[in-house]
Amino acid sequence: MGEKIVKSYNRSQLNREIYINVHQDSVDTWLRIVRRIQLNTPIVEFFWNLGTFFLYGFALSLILQGNTGMDAGTVVVFTSYMSLFSGPLTQIAYIIQQLAQVSSNLEQVFDTIDYPLEIPEEENAMNLSHIQGKVDFNHVTFQYEEGIPVLTDFNLHVKPGETIALVGPTGVGKTTIINLLTRFYDVTAGEVKIDDINVKQVSLHSLRREVGVLMQDHFIFKGTVLENIRYGRPEATDQECMEAAELIHAQEHILQMKDGYHHMLDERGQGLSAGEKQLISFARIVLKNPSIVILDEATSSIDTETEQLIKEALDKILADKTAFIVAHRLSTVRSADRILYIMDGEIKEQGNHEELMALKGYYYSMQ
């Protein structure tokens, strides 16, 4: 994907120059380090031998001057003792050098390990299971940057099994609302509850097991189609994966691939169309079967005919589940139990499709 952007904006030459500069800096730094490491032992030995040479010269001058306290035997014994020390001293210098390298690497490792969690989990977090799907946003305020609130005193109460559609201009907080529900971010003030339990009090694993999210950017992992569908439920059988794909009308597209369900996909699904990636992601969340389903622009890359088939399948899948749908294509949200028009971090209008059309307000102007 990035390659196409680079080429379409004529950045190939500039990016190559940037890469060469960065690469050359890295190479120069690496060569300096290697040079110092390789020169360490020769330099130590050079100065050691130079000292020995001067010692012999000094001793020889004393002997020639007739100094009775110095003779050849004394010089030989002294230099022999010195040579016994040279090996350990060289080894100590090498060990200190290795320790410096290891400590530098360990420092980076521990910096990563000790990096504070952005979303901490309580020590005795509860396990969320068998939920009904009641969701409450109570006086929620959230801001990505200090002093720039995205949501201010936001309140929303969703009954179990209700389908809520979030619409409105770009950047008004629609995706933020669902990110707070899944705890990709934590509220600045207020609370988010599922079945009257604050999401901060439950384990992240159980929360994200019960809440399934289908994002606009459908990520495909390197592996077979079956492995990608099974991603959210590793214990699922091949038959269950195929049934999920068939339910969401993805099977006919999958069977057209070279090896069908066993076709090997590349990282990010290279070679697949955007619609095919979305269908595999749909099958993934259908197989996971969460209690609360979140669809964030989930059908944006699917043609109208396939979207209608998926809509019919979703009507069955979401019949007894609480669902949040973020969409710009209003055909996706017409059948929602309640449509919320979000603007300036608050709910400007809410109601079903017919009620909002009758108001002839913000929602009506989107038609």
Protein backbone atom coordinates (compact mmCIF):
# COMPACT_ATOMS: atom_id res chain seq x y z
CA MET A 1 0.00 0.00 0.00
CA GLY A 2 2.77 2.42 0.94
CA GLU A 3 4.62 1.61 -2.26
CA LYS A 4 1.68 2.81 -4.38
CA ILE A 5 1.45 6.07 -2.42
CA VAL A 6 5.20 6.65 -2.84
CA LYS A 7 5.01 6.12 -6.60
CA SER A 8 1.80 8.10 -7.15
CA TYR A 9 3.25 11.13 -5.36
CA ASN A 10 6.63 10.87 -7.14
CA ARG A 11 8.49 10.34 -3.89
CA SER A 12 10.67 7.44 -5.09
CA GLN A 13 13.88 9.45 -5.59
CA LEU A 14 13.43 11.56 -2.44
CA ASN A 15 12.64 8.50 -0.31
CA ARG A 16 15.69 6.73 -1.77
CA GLU A 17 17.90 9.67 -0.76
CA ILE A 18 16.39 9.74 2.73
CA TYR A 19 16.97 6.00 3.07
CA ILE A 20 20.57 6.26 1.84
CA ASN A 21 21.31 9.05 4.34
CA VAL A 22 19.77 7.15 7.27
CA HIS A 23 21.41 3.90 6.16
CA GLN A 24 24.81 5.58 5.79
CA ASP A 25 24.54 7.09 9.28
CA SER A 26 23.75 3.63 10.68
CA VAL A 27 26.64 2.04 8.79
CA ASP A 28 29.09 4.75 9.94
CA THR A 29 28.01 4.31 13.57
CA TRP A 30 28.28 0.53 13.34
CA LEU A 31 31.75 0.74 11.75
CA ARG A 32 32.96 3.07 14.50
CA ILE A 33 31.82 0.59 17.13
CA VAL A 34 33.38 -2.39 15.33
CA ARG A 35 36.62 -0.46 14.77
CA ARG A 36 36.95 0.35 18.46
CA ILE A 37 36.19 -3.24 19.45
CA GLN A 38 38.72 -4.70 17.01
CA LEU A 39 41.41 -2.16 17.92
CA ASN A 40 41.05 -2.75 21.66
CA THR A 41 43.25 -5.87 21.91
CA PRO A 42 46.04 -4.74 19.50
CA ILE A 43 46.35 -1.37 21.28
CA VAL A 44 46.57 -3.01 24.72
CA GLU A 45 49.19 -5.47 23.46
CA PHE A 46 51.14 -2.72 21.70
CA PHE A 47 51.48 -0.60 24.84
CA TRP A 48 52.22 -3.69 26.94
CA ASN A 49 55.06 -4.74 24.63
CA LEU A 50 56.28 -1.15 24.39
CA GLY A 51 56.47 -1.02 28.19
CA THR A 52 58.36 -4.32 28.24
CA PHE A 53 60.82 -2.96 25.63
CA PHE A 54 61.53 0.16 27.72
CA LEU A 55 61.91 -2.02 30.82
CA TYR A 56 64.56 -4.13 29.07
CA GLY A 57 66.32 -0.98 27.86
CA PHE A 58 66.29 0.60 31.36
CA ALA A 59 67.54 -2.62 32.99
CA LEU A 60 70.28 -3.02 30.39
CA SER A 61 71.50 0.54 31.00
CA LEU A 62 71.69 -0.14 34.77
CA ILE A 63 73.64 -3.37 34.22
CA LEU A 64 76.11 -1.66 31.86
CA GLN A 65 76.62 1.08 34.46
CA GLY A 66 77.71 -1.62 36.93
CA ASN A 67 74.69 -1.41 39.24
CA THR A 68 75.10 -4.38 41.60
CA GLY A 69 71.37 -4.50 42.44
CA MET A 70 70.41 -5.37 38.88
CA ASP A 71 71.39 -8.46 36.86
CA ALA A 72 70.02 -10.46 33.93
CA GLY A 73 68.29 -13.02 36.18
CA THR A 74 66.36 -10.35 38.04
CA VAL A 75 65.17 -8.85 34.73
CA VAL A 76 64.06 -12.23 33.37
CA VAL A 77 62.15 -13.11 36.57
CA PHE A 78 60.46 -9.70 36.69
CA THR A 79 59.34 -9.82 33.04
CA SER A 80 58.11 -13.40 33.53
CA TYR A 81 55.89 -12.24 36.38
CA MET A 82 54.69 -9.38 34.21
CA SER A 83 53.72 -11.77 31.39
CA LEU A 84 51.65 -13.77 33.88
CA PHE A 85 49.63 -10.61 34.53
CA SER A 86 49.18 -9.66 30.86
CA GLY A 87 46.71 -12.46 30.06
CA PRO A 88 44.30 -11.76 32.97
CA LEU A 89 44.50 -7.99 32.40
CA THR A 90 43.67 -8.40 28.71
CA GLN A 91 40.81 -10.74 29.64
CA ILE A 92 39.47 -8.23 32.17
CA ALA A 93 39.53 -5.47 29.54
CA TYR A 94 37.63 -7.75 27.14
CA ILE A 95 35.05 -8.64 29.82
CA ILE A 96 34.49 -4.95 30.66
CA GLN A 97 33.97 -4.27 26.96
CA GLN A 98 31.43 -7.09 26.66
CA LEU A 99 29.62 -5.96 29.82
CA ALA A 100 29.30 -2.46 28.37
CA GLN A 101 27.66 -3.90 25.25
CA VAL A 102 25.34 -6.20 27.22
CA SER A 103 24.33 -3.47 29.66
CA SER A 104 23.43 -1.19 26.75
CA ASN A 105 21.23 -3.90 25.22
CA LEU A 106 19.66 -4.79 28.56
CA GLU A 107 18.91 -1.14 29.24
CA GLN A 108 16.84 -0.99 26.05
CA VAL A 109 15.07 -4.28 26.89
CA PHE A 110 14.17 -3.17 30.40
CA ASP A 111 13.05 0.26 29.15
CA THR A 112 10.53 -1.60 26.98
CA ILE A 113 9.50 -4.00 29.79
CA ASP A 114 9.15 -1.19 32.35
CA TYR A 115 7.20 1.12 30.00
CA PRO A 116 4.00 1.99 31.84
CA LEU A 117 0.78 0.46 30.52
CA GLU A 118 -1.54 3.02 28.97
CA ILE A 119 -4.55 0.86 29.88
CA PRO A 120 -3.81 -0.71 33.27
CA GLU A 121 -5.84 -3.65 34.55
CA GLU A 122 -7.00 -3.78 38.16
CA GLU A 123 -5.23 -6.33 40.34
CA ASN A 124 -8.42 -8.26 41.13
CA ALA A 125 -10.23 -7.61 37.86
CA MET A 126 -13.56 -9.37 37.38
CA ASN A 127 -14.24 -11.88 34.63
CA LEU A 128 -16.98 -10.63 32.31
CA SER A 129 -19.11 -13.49 31.00
CA HIS A 130 -22.66 -14.36 29.86
CA ILE A 131 -23.61 -10.70 29.56
CA GLN A 132 -27.02 -9.45 28.48
CA GLY A 133 -25.61 -6.48 26.55
CA LYS A 134 -26.80 -3.45 28.51
CA VAL A 135 -24.41 -0.53 27.92
CA ASP A 136 -24.26 2.81 29.73
CA PHE A 137 -22.11 5.89 29.15
CA ASN A 138 -22.53 8.03 32.26
CA HIS A 139 -21.29 11.65 32.08
CA VAL A 140 -18.30 10.61 29.99
CA THR A 141 -15.63 13.16 29.12
CA PHE A 142 -12.64 12.21 27.01
CA GLN A 143 -9.71 14.05 25.48
CA TYR A 144 -6.71 12.83 23.50
CA GLU A 145 -4.81 16.03 24.27
CA GLU A 146 -5.00 18.15 27.39
CA GLY A 147 -7.58 20.90 27.01
CA ILE A 148 -9.09 19.58 23.75
CA PRO A 149 -12.12 17.45 24.70
CA VAL A 150 -13.59 15.07 22.13
CA LEU A 151 -16.56 14.08 24.28
CA THR A 152 -18.00 16.29 27.01
CA ASP A 153 -20.52 14.99 29.59
CA PHE A 154 -21.64 12.34 27.10
CA ASN A 155 -24.56 10.15 28.15
CA LEU A 156 -25.92 7.10 26.33
CA HIS A 157 -28.02 4.21 27.62
CA VAL A 158 -28.43 1.11 25.44
CA LYS A 159 -30.83 -1.74 26.18
CA PRO A 160 -29.80 -5.38 25.67
CA GLY A 161 -30.27 -6.43 22.05
CA GLU A 162 -30.59 -2.86 20.76
CA THR A 163 -28.83 -1.80 17.56
CA ILE A 164 -27.34 1.69 17.76
CA ALA A 165 -26.08 3.53 14.69
CA LEU A 166 -23.60 6.40 15.06
CA VAL A 167 -23.52 8.93 12.22
CA GLY A 168 -22.17 12.42 11.76
CA PRO A 169 -19.24 14.34 10.28
CA THR A 170 -15.68 13.04 10.39
CA GLY A 171 -13.78 13.59 13.63
CA VAL A 172 -16.73 14.22 15.95
CA GLY A 173 -16.11 11.24 18.26
CA LYS A 174 -18.00 8.29 16.74
CA THR A 175 -15.03 5.92 16.76
CA THR A 176 -13.92 7.33 20.11
CA ILE A 177 -17.19 6.14 21.66
CA ILE A 178 -16.61 2.52 20.63
CA ASN A 179 -12.92 2.71 21.59
CA LEU A 180 -13.96 3.66 25.12
CA LEU A 181 -16.32 0.68 25.25
CA THR A 182 -13.52 -1.74 24.35
CA ARG A 183 -10.98 0.15 26.51
CA PHE A 184 -8.61 0.95 23.71
CA TYR A 185 -8.70 4.23 25.63
CA ASP A 186 -9.93 5.09 29.11
CA VAL A 187 -12.35 7.87 29.91
CA THR A 188 -10.99 11.13 31.26
CA ALA A 189 -14.05 11.49 33.47
CA GLY A 190 -17.29 9.58 33.97
CA GLU A 191 -17.75 5.84 33.47
CA VAL A 192 -18.65 3.24 30.87
CA LYS A 193 -20.63 0.22 32.08
CA ILE A 194 -21.66 -3.13 30.64
CA ASP A 195 -24.49 -4.81 32.54
CA ASP A 196 -23.96 -2.21 35.31
CA ILE A 197 -20.28 -3.20 35.69
CA ASN A 198 -17.63 -0.54 35.09
CA VAL A 199 -15.40 -1.73 32.26
CA LYS A 200 -12.36 -0.65 34.32
CA GLN A 201 -13.23 -3.34 36.86
CA VAL A 202 -13.17 -6.28 34.43
CA SER A 203 -10.20 -8.05 32.84
CA LEU A 204 -9.24 -6.85 29.38
CA HIS A 205 -9.23 -10.44 28.10
CA SER A 206 -12.83 -11.11 29.13
CA LEU A 207 -13.99 -7.65 27.97
CA ARG A 208 -12.59 -8.12 24.48
CA ARG A 209 -13.88 -11.68 24.36
CA GLU A 210 -17.43 -10.43 24.92
CA VAL A 211 -17.11 -7.34 22.70
CA GLY A 212 -16.25 -7.99 19.04
CA VAL A 213 -14.96 -5.18 16.84
CA LEU A 214 -14.85 -5.05 13.05
CA MET A 215 -12.77 -2.04 12.10
CA GLN A 216 -12.63 -0.13 8.83
CA ASP A 217 -9.02 -1.23 8.31
CA HIS A 218 -9.39 -4.99 7.88
CA PHE A 219 -6.04 -6.51 8.79
CA ILE A 220 -5.18 -9.84 7.21
CA PHE A 221 -2.37 -11.88 8.78
CA LYS A 222 0.09 -14.07 6.92
CA GLY A 223 -1.49 -17.54 6.86
CA THR A 224 -4.31 -19.47 5.25
CA VAL A 225 -7.84 -18.18 4.86
CA LEU A 226 -8.96 -20.66 7.53
CA GLU A 227 -6.31 -19.45 9.97
CA ASN A 228 -7.42 -15.84 9.45
CA ILE A 229 -11.09 -16.70 10.03
CA ARG A 230 -10.16 -18.76 13.10
CA TYR A 231 -8.07 -15.92 14.57
CA GLY A 232 -10.59 -14.98 17.27
CA ARG A 233 -11.44 -18.61 18.18
CA PRO A 234 -8.33 -20.80 17.86
CA GLU A 235 -10.25 -23.89 18.99
CA ALA A 236 -12.87 -23.63 16.20
CA THR A 237 -13.07 -26.49 13.71
CA ASP A 238 -12.64 -26.13 9.94
CA GLN A 239 -16.35 -26.81 9.52
CA GLU A 240 -17.30 -23.99 11.91
CA CYS A 241 -15.01 -21.58 10.00
CA MET A 242 -16.61 -22.56 6.70
CA GLU A 243 -20.12 -22.16 8.11
CA ALA A 244 -19.25 -18.64 9.32
CA ALA A 245 -17.90 -17.74 5.87
CA GLU A 246 -20.97 -19.20 4.16
CA LEU A 247 -23.33 -17.32 6.48
CA ILE A 248 -21.71 -14.01 5.59
CA HIS A 249 -21.62 -14.87 1.84
CA ALA A 250 -17.81 -14.98 1.73
CA GLN A 251 -17.56 -18.61 0.61
CA GLU A 252 -18.03 -18.01 -3.12
CA HIS A 253 -15.14 -15.52 -3.12
CA ILE A 254 -12.92 -17.84 -1.06
CA LEU A 255 -13.54 -20.86 -3.30
CA GLN A 256 -12.38 -18.81 -6.30
CA MET A 257 -8.91 -18.56 -4.75
CA LYS A 258 -6.24 -21.02 -5.87
CA ASP A 259 -6.43 -23.31 -2.82
CA GLY A 260 -9.81 -22.20 -1.47
CA TYR A 261 -9.87 -22.12 2.33
CA HIS A 262 -6.25 -23.34 2.43
CA HIS A 263 -5.03 -20.53 0.18
CA MET A 264 -1.97 -18.84 1.74
CA LEU A 265 -2.44 -15.10 2.26
CA ASP A 266 0.37 -12.56 2.57
CA GLU A 267 0.71 -10.00 5.33
CA ARG A 268 -2.05 -7.36 5.03
CA GLY A 269 -3.78 -9.53 2.43
CA GLN A 270 -1.76 -8.43 -0.59
CA GLY A 271 -3.46 -9.68 -3.72
CA LEU A 272 -6.95 -9.47 -2.20
CA SER A 273 -9.43 -6.74 -3.01
CA ALA A 274 -10.64 -4.49 -0.19
CA GLY A 275 -14.04 -6.22 -0.36
CA GLU A 276 -12.50 -9.70 -0.03
CA LYS A 277 -10.56 -8.59 3.04
CA GLN A 278 -13.76 -7.24 4.57
CA LEU A 279 -15.61 -10.50 3.93
CA ILE A 280 -12.87 -12.55 5.63
CA SER A 281 -12.96 -10.12 8.57
CA PHE A 282 -16.76 -10.49 8.73
CA ALA A 283 -16.41 -14.26 8.84
CA ARG A 284 -13.84 -13.85 11.64
CA ILE A 285 -16.22 -11.90 13.87
CA VAL A 286 -19.20 -14.16 13.03
CA LEU A 287 -17.14 -17.15 14.17
CA LYS A 288 -16.06 -15.35 17.35
CA ASN A 289 -19.74 -14.76 18.18
CA PRO A 290 -19.33 -11.96 20.78
CA SER A 291 -22.19 -10.70 22.96
CA ILE A 292 -21.73 -7.08 21.79
CA VAL A 293 -20.83 -6.36 18.16
CA ILE A 294 -19.19 -3.16 16.91
CA LEU A 295 -19.04 -2.42 13.19
CA ASP A 296 -16.92 0.58 12.25
CA GLU A 297 -17.48 1.39 8.56
CA ALA A 298 -17.55 -2.38 8.07
CA THR A 299 -19.10 -2.40 4.58
CA SER A 300 -17.33 0.62 3.10
CA SER A 301 -15.43 -1.43 0.48
CA ILE A 302 -18.18 -3.88 -0.45
CA ASP A 303 -20.34 -3.52 -3.55
CA THR A 304 -24.05 -2.77 -3.16
CA GLU A 305 -25.22 -6.29 -4.05
CA THR A 306 -22.88 -7.98 -1.55
CA GLU A 307 -23.74 -5.36 1.05
CA GLN A 308 -27.41 -6.30 0.78
CA LEU A 309 -26.56 -9.99 1.26
CA ILE A 310 -24.40 -9.13 4.29
CA LYS A 311 -27.17 -6.94 5.69
CA GLU A 312 -29.59 -9.90 5.53
CA ALA A 313 -27.03 -12.10 7.28
CA LEU A 314 -26.36 -9.42 9.92
CA ASP A 315 -30.07 -9.14 10.66
CA LYS A 316 -29.94 -12.79 11.73
CA ILE A 317 -26.61 -12.53 13.54
CA LEU A 318 -27.52 -9.36 15.48
CA ALA A 319 -31.07 -10.44 16.31
CA ASP A 320 -30.26 -11.07 19.98
CA LYS A 321 -27.09 -8.99 20.34
CA THR A 322 -26.34 -5.41 21.27
CA ALA A 323 -24.72 -3.73 18.29
CA PHE A 324 -23.01 -0.42 17.52
CA ILE A 325 -22.70 0.56 13.86
CA VAL A 326 -20.54 3.49 12.71
CA ALA A 327 -21.29 4.38 9.10
CA HIS A 328 -21.39 7.12 6.50
CA ARG A 329 -23.45 5.09 4.03
CA LEU A 330 -26.96 5.54 5.41
CA SER A 331 -28.20 2.37 3.71
CA THR A 332 -26.26 0.54 6.45
CA VAL A 333 -28.08 2.23 9.35
CA ARG A 334 -31.69 2.55 8.14
CA SER A 335 -32.83 -0.54 10.04
CA ALA A 336 -31.09 0.40 13.31
CA ASP A 337 -33.30 0.63 16.40
CA ARG A 338 -31.83 4.02 17.20
CA ILE A 339 -29.69 6.37 15.12
CA LEU A 340 -27.54 8.94 16.91
CA TYR A 341 -26.29 11.99 15.06
CA ILE A 342 -23.02 12.93 16.79
CA MET A 343 -21.53 16.41 16.49
CA ASP A 344 -19.26 18.48 18.74
CA GLY A 345 -18.87 15.53 21.10
CA GLU A 346 -22.56 15.20 21.91
CA ILE A 347 -25.78 13.68 20.58
CA LYS A 348 -27.56 16.29 18.47
CA GLU A 349 -30.39 14.02 17.27
CA GLN A 350 -31.60 10.50 17.97
CA GLY A 351 -34.41 8.27 16.83
CA ASN A 352 -35.13 5.71 14.12
CA HIS A 353 -34.79 6.49 10.42
CA GLU A 354 -38.38 7.63 9.91
CA GLU A 355 -38.38 9.84 13.01
CA LEU A 356 -35.16 11.59 12.05
CA MET A 357 -36.25 12.10 8.46
CA ALA A 358 -39.45 13.72 9.73
CA LEU A 359 -37.36 16.16 11.83
CA LYS A 360 -35.62 17.41 8.68
CA GLY A 361 -32.52 18.28 10.73
CA TYR A 362 -28.90 17.13 10.66
CA TYR A 363 -29.68 13.54 9.70
CA TYR A 364 -32.08 14.60 6.98
CA SER A 365 -29.37 16.78 5.41
CA MET A 366 -27.12 13.71 4.99
CA GLN A 367 -29.48 12.17 2.41
